[in-house]
Amino acid sequence: MQSTMRPKAHWLPSRRGIPANKQRDGAINSVRQLRQAMFLLSVVAILAGLPLTAGSQSLAVAGDTAGTATSTTPGQLDLTYVRPTERTKVNNYVFDTYGPYPIAGSAVAAGFNQIGNTPPEWNRGIEGYAKRFGSHFGIVAVGTTTRYGLAAALKEDTLYYRCECTGFFPRLRHAVFSTLTARRGDDGHRVFSFPALVAPYAGATTAVYGWYPGRFGAKDAFRMGNYNMLAYMGGNVTLEFFYSGPHSLLTRMHMNNLHGAPDPGPNH
């Protein structure tokens, strides 16, 4: 006689006191959130390669050494470190905080949360989407302000510099390591960056305790901060590999990114 008993779902992790259906929902939500993060990185990468129109005005100011240095031929790196002026850093801060990339990223992330009705307290509809968009945009603004503000206080240069090394994996490693490092001093030597570490979690924590529903807490802030860190890392990878010629938005956003890293790569 054939048994009619349903097989046990052995793939579910065993957690005492947590029903199997809730474990399954948690696993599905984790996969969905990971897919959302990867899609956001893809959107950033696509937008990064879009050229500006010929009439667009550059953020670089005449007489600004760090800004005018971006006239270097695309693909050719100036391996001499040039410390950015205060004006260059302010221009980059404004673009990173209020430019088209944070707006587009916030719109896409809000769309995902709208589809998943996350958090459900905000409901759906135009009002719910507006809350989600404002939340994501606020997280970006707080995180970017924290990074630039602390970097200024600690006299760090947190702008991204492309690697002088060659090869996909060495350049990828440089982009990943640059997520938690900065340049310091006139020679631009690399140091561990406390502002880069704190910034992604500052934005998430502000959101959780500032405008998210009361049931959210420290664990949620940490989880959201991890996704912010992943997005920041993806931005560095974009700056390293994607087109950054004279008519690219990347050139306007990170005016020092055509300078090479002052430390030699593994192939040198």
Protein backbone atom coordinates (compact mmCIF):
# COMPACT_ATOMS: atom_id res chain seq x y z
CA MET A 1 0.00 0.00 0.00
CA GLN A 2 1.44 3.31 -1.08
CA SER A 3 1.89 5.82 1.72
CA THR A 4 -0.03 9.08 1.37
CA MET A 5 2.11 10.91 3.88
CA ARG A 6 3.70 14.10 2.54
CA PRO A 7 7.51 14.16 2.62
CA LYS A 8 9.10 16.44 5.14
CA ALA A 9 10.73 19.59 3.75
CA HIS A 10 14.29 18.81 4.75
CA TRP A 11 15.60 21.97 3.04
CA LEU A 12 14.10 24.16 5.70
CA PRO A 13 16.46 25.09 8.56
CA SER A 14 15.44 23.68 11.91
CA ARG A 15 14.55 26.44 14.31
CA ARG A 16 12.76 25.59 17.50
CA GLY A 17 9.56 27.54 18.01
CA ILE A 18 9.34 28.91 14.43
CA PRO A 19 6.67 27.34 12.19
CA ALA A 20 7.89 25.84 8.93
CA ASN A 21 5.77 28.19 6.84
CA LYS A 22 7.35 31.24 8.47
CA GLN A 23 10.81 29.79 7.90
CA ARG A 24 9.92 29.29 4.25
CA ASP A 25 8.56 32.84 3.95
CA GLY A 26 11.73 34.19 5.52
CA ALA A 27 13.91 32.32 3.04
CA ILE A 28 11.80 33.56 0.13
CA ASN A 29 12.03 37.14 1.38
CA SER A 30 15.81 36.87 1.67
CA VAL A 31 16.10 35.64 -1.91
CA ARG A 32 13.77 38.40 -3.10
CA GLN A 33 15.79 41.07 -1.31
CA LEU A 34 19.03 39.73 -2.81
CA ARG A 35 17.50 39.82 -6.29
CA GLN A 36 16.38 43.39 -5.69
CA ALA A 37 19.86 44.42 -4.63
CA MET A 38 21.43 42.81 -7.71
CA PHE A 39 18.86 44.47 -9.97
CA LEU A 40 19.62 47.86 -8.43
CA LEU A 41 23.32 47.34 -9.14
CA SER A 42 22.44 46.54 -12.76
CA VAL A 43 20.39 49.73 -13.05
CA VAL A 44 23.28 51.78 -11.69
CA ALA A 45 25.64 50.15 -14.16
CA ILE A 46 23.36 50.88 -17.11
CA LEU A 47 22.80 54.50 -16.10
CA ALA A 48 26.52 54.96 -15.57
CA GLY A 49 27.28 54.41 -19.22
CA LEU A 50 24.74 56.94 -20.50
CA PRO A 51 26.50 59.89 -22.18
CA LEU A 52 25.46 63.47 -21.56
CA THR A 53 24.30 65.73 -24.36
CA ALA A 54 26.85 68.06 -25.88
CA GLY A 55 25.23 71.09 -24.26
CA SER A 56 25.44 69.74 -20.73
CA GLN A 57 27.33 71.88 -18.27
CA SER A 58 30.22 70.28 -16.43
CA LEU A 59 30.50 70.57 -12.67
CA ALA A 60 34.21 71.17 -13.08
CA VAL A 61 35.17 74.80 -12.52
CA ALA A 62 37.83 76.57 -14.53
CA GLY A 63 41.01 76.79 -12.51
CA ASP A 64 40.04 73.78 -10.39
CA THR A 65 43.05 71.45 -10.71
CA ALA A 66 41.24 68.27 -9.69
CA GLY A 67 38.27 69.05 -11.90
CA THR A 68 40.14 69.98 -15.07
CA ALA A 69 42.32 66.87 -14.82
CA THR A 70 39.42 64.81 -16.24
CA SER A 71 40.38 65.83 -19.77
CA THR A 72 42.67 62.79 -19.83
CA THR A 73 41.96 60.47 -22.75
CA PRO A 74 39.43 57.73 -21.74
CA GLY A 75 41.26 54.59 -20.64
CA GLN A 76 44.50 56.49 -19.99
CA LEU A 77 45.20 57.03 -16.31
CA ASP A 78 47.13 59.85 -14.74
CA LEU A 79 49.00 57.93 -12.05
CA THR A 80 49.96 61.04 -10.09
CA TYR A 81 47.71 61.59 -7.09
CA VAL A 82 46.04 65.01 -7.10
CA ARG A 83 44.29 65.88 -3.86
CA PRO A 84 40.82 67.29 -4.68
CA THR A 85 40.00 70.86 -3.77
CA GLU A 86 37.16 71.68 -1.40
CA ARG A 87 35.09 72.83 -4.37
CA THR A 88 35.55 69.49 -6.09
CA LYS A 89 34.47 67.62 -2.97
CA VAL A 90 31.39 69.82 -2.55
CA ASN A 91 30.40 69.28 -6.19
CA ASN A 92 30.77 65.52 -5.78
CA TYR A 93 28.77 65.57 -2.55
CA VAL A 94 25.90 67.43 -4.19
CA PHE A 95 25.87 65.06 -7.16
CA ASP A 96 26.11 61.92 -5.00
CA THR A 97 23.28 63.15 -2.76
CA TYR A 98 20.85 64.95 -5.06
CA GLY A 99 21.91 63.91 -8.56
CA PRO A 100 20.17 61.59 -11.03
CA TYR A 101 21.68 58.38 -9.64
CA PRO A 102 20.23 58.61 -6.09
CA ILE A 103 16.90 59.73 -7.57
CA ALA A 104 16.76 56.84 -10.04
CA GLY A 105 17.96 54.32 -7.45
CA SER A 106 15.37 55.51 -4.93
CA ALA A 107 12.62 55.30 -7.54
CA VAL A 108 13.51 51.72 -8.48
CA ALA A 109 13.89 50.58 -4.86
CA ALA A 110 10.57 52.20 -3.94
CA GLY A 111 8.96 50.35 -6.85
CA PHE A 112 10.18 47.00 -5.53
CA ASN A 113 8.92 47.80 -2.04
CA GLN A 114 5.60 48.96 -3.53
CA ILE A 115 5.15 45.61 -5.28
CA GLY A 116 6.00 43.73 -2.09
CA ASN A 117 4.01 46.19 0.06
CA THR A 118 7.00 46.69 2.38
CA PRO A 119 6.46 47.90 4.99
CA PRO A 120 2.72 47.01 4.89
CA GLU A 121 1.87 49.88 7.25
CA TRP A 122 2.46 52.32 4.38
CA ASN A 123 -0.07 50.55 2.14
CA ARG A 124 -0.07 50.86 -1.64
CA GLY A 125 -1.16 53.62 -3.98
CA ILE A 126 0.47 56.95 -4.74
CA GLU A 127 0.80 57.92 -1.09
CA GLY A 128 2.50 54.64 -0.23
CA TYR A 129 4.93 54.96 -3.13
CA ALA A 130 5.73 58.54 -2.14
CA LYS A 131 6.59 57.39 1.40
CA ARG A 132 8.84 54.63 0.11
CA PHE A 133 10.58 56.90 -2.38
CA GLY A 134 11.14 59.56 0.29
CA SER A 135 12.45 56.91 2.68
CA HIS A 136 15.05 55.57 0.24
CA PHE A 137 16.08 59.04 -0.82
CA GLY A 138 16.45 60.06 2.82
CA ILE A 139 18.60 57.02 3.56
CA VAL A 140 20.93 57.92 0.69
CA ALA A 141 21.11 61.57 1.79
CA VAL A 142 21.95 60.71 5.40
CA GLY A 143 24.54 58.09 4.41
CA THR A 144 26.27 60.34 1.89
CA THR A 145 26.28 63.30 4.27
CA THR A 146 27.78 61.11 7.00
CA ARG A 147 30.52 59.82 4.71
CA TYR A 148 31.54 63.22 3.37
CA GLY A 149 31.17 64.96 6.73
CA LEU A 150 33.27 62.48 8.70
CA ALA A 151 35.82 62.30 5.88
CA ALA A 152 36.23 66.08 6.01
CA ALA A 153 36.68 65.97 9.79
CA LEU A 154 39.29 63.21 9.53
CA LYS A 155 40.97 64.82 6.49
CA GLU A 156 40.26 61.79 4.28
CA ASP A 157 39.64 61.71 0.54
CA THR A 158 36.80 59.24 -0.08
CA LEU A 159 36.51 59.81 -3.84
CA TYR A 160 37.05 56.72 -5.96
CA TYR A 161 40.29 56.29 -7.93
CA ARG A 162 40.58 53.70 -10.67
CA CYS A 163 43.26 51.05 -10.35
CA GLU A 164 46.46 51.32 -12.37
CA CYS A 165 46.58 47.52 -12.49
CA THR A 166 45.35 45.40 -15.40
CA GLY A 167 43.15 42.34 -15.53
CA PHE A 168 39.56 41.81 -14.42
CA PHE A 169 40.14 40.27 -10.99
CA PRO A 170 42.87 42.69 -9.81
CA ARG A 171 40.67 45.62 -10.79
CA LEU A 172 37.63 44.02 -9.14
CA ARG A 173 39.62 43.48 -5.95
CA HIS A 174 40.70 47.12 -6.01
CA ALA A 175 37.08 48.26 -6.39
CA VAL A 176 35.90 46.05 -3.52
CA PHE A 177 38.71 47.04 -1.15
CA SER A 178 38.15 50.71 -1.97
CA THR A 179 34.70 50.42 -0.40
CA LEU A 180 36.26 50.58 3.06
CA THR A 181 39.38 52.62 2.36
CA ALA A 182 40.20 56.26 1.67
CA ARG A 183 43.20 58.43 0.70
CA ARG A 184 45.04 60.57 3.22
CA GLY A 185 47.86 63.06 3.01
CA ASP A 186 49.46 64.77 0.04
CA ASP A 187 50.74 61.44 -1.28
CA GLY A 188 47.27 59.87 -1.13
CA HIS A 189 48.29 56.74 0.77
CA ARG A 190 45.49 54.28 1.43
CA VAL A 191 44.01 53.97 4.93
CA PHE A 192 41.06 52.16 6.46
CA SER A 193 38.11 54.55 6.36
CA PHE A 194 35.85 54.80 9.39
CA PRO A 195 33.47 57.16 7.52
CA ALA A 196 33.06 54.60 4.73
CA LEU A 197 32.23 51.90 7.28
CA VAL A 198 29.73 53.97 9.28
CA ALA A 199 27.90 55.79 6.46
CA PRO A 200 25.76 52.89 5.09
CA TYR A 201 24.50 52.04 8.57
CA ALA A 202 23.93 55.67 9.56
CA GLY A 203 21.33 56.08 6.83
CA ALA A 204 19.58 52.81 7.69
CA THR A 205 19.56 53.53 11.43
CA THR A 206 18.14 57.00 10.87
CA ALA A 207 15.33 55.53 8.77
CA VAL A 208 14.49 52.77 11.26
CA TYR A 209 14.30 55.08 14.27
CA GLY A 210 13.18 58.17 12.38
CA TRP A 211 10.25 57.24 10.14
CA TYR A 212 9.87 53.47 9.88
CA PRO A 213 7.04 51.75 11.82
CA GLY A 214 7.80 51.11 15.48
CA ARG A 215 8.20 47.35 15.09
CA PHE A 216 11.51 47.88 13.24
CA GLY A 217 14.66 47.80 15.34
CA ALA A 218 18.44 47.42 15.39
CA LYS A 219 18.45 44.13 13.45
CA ASP A 220 16.53 45.75 10.62
CA ALA A 221 18.91 48.72 10.59
CA PHE A 222 21.87 46.35 10.36
CA ARG A 223 20.26 44.35 7.54
CA MET A 224 19.40 47.50 5.58
CA GLY A 225 22.90 48.86 6.18
CA ASN A 226 24.38 45.72 4.64
CA TYR A 227 22.38 46.34 1.47
CA ASN A 228 23.55 49.95 1.45
CA MET A 229 27.14 48.78 1.71
CA LEU A 230 26.56 46.37 -1.19
CA ALA A 231 25.14 49.20 -3.31
CA TYR A 232 28.14 51.40 -2.50
CA MET A 233 30.47 48.59 -3.51
CA GLY A 234 28.55 48.20 -6.75
CA GLY A 235 29.02 51.91 -7.42
CA ASN A 236 32.79 51.49 -7.09
CA VAL A 237 32.75 48.56 -9.50
CA THR A 238 30.81 50.73 -11.94
CA LEU A 239 33.37 53.52 -11.66
CA GLU A 240 36.19 51.04 -12.25
CA PHE A 241 34.88 49.23 -15.32
CA PHE A 242 32.30 51.32 -17.14
CA TYR A 243 32.78 54.09 -19.66
CA SER A 244 33.89 57.37 -18.12
CA GLY A 245 34.75 59.56 -21.07
CA PRO A 246 34.41 63.33 -21.26
CA HIS A 247 30.65 63.19 -21.97
CA SER A 248 29.75 60.62 -19.32
CA LEU A 249 27.80 61.35 -16.17
CA LEU A 250 30.50 59.47 -14.27
CA THR A 251 33.02 62.14 -15.20
CA ARG A 252 30.72 64.80 -13.80
CA MET A 253 29.99 62.78 -10.68
CA HIS A 254 33.52 61.68 -9.72
CA MET A 255 35.83 64.22 -11.26
CA ASN A 256 38.94 62.46 -9.99
CA ASN A 257 38.09 59.01 -11.28
CA LEU A 258 40.37 59.27 -14.33
CA HIS A 259 43.36 59.49 -11.98
CA GLY A 260 44.88 56.14 -11.12
CA ALA A 261 45.30 54.80 -7.64
CA PRO A 262 48.62 56.09 -6.25
CA ASP A 263 49.62 52.66 -4.99
CA PRO A 264 50.77 50.09 -7.58
CA GLY A 265 48.48 47.25 -8.48
CA PRO A 266 49.45 43.55 -8.23
CA ASN A 267 50.59 43.50 -11.85
CA HIS A 268 53.19 46.25 -11.33
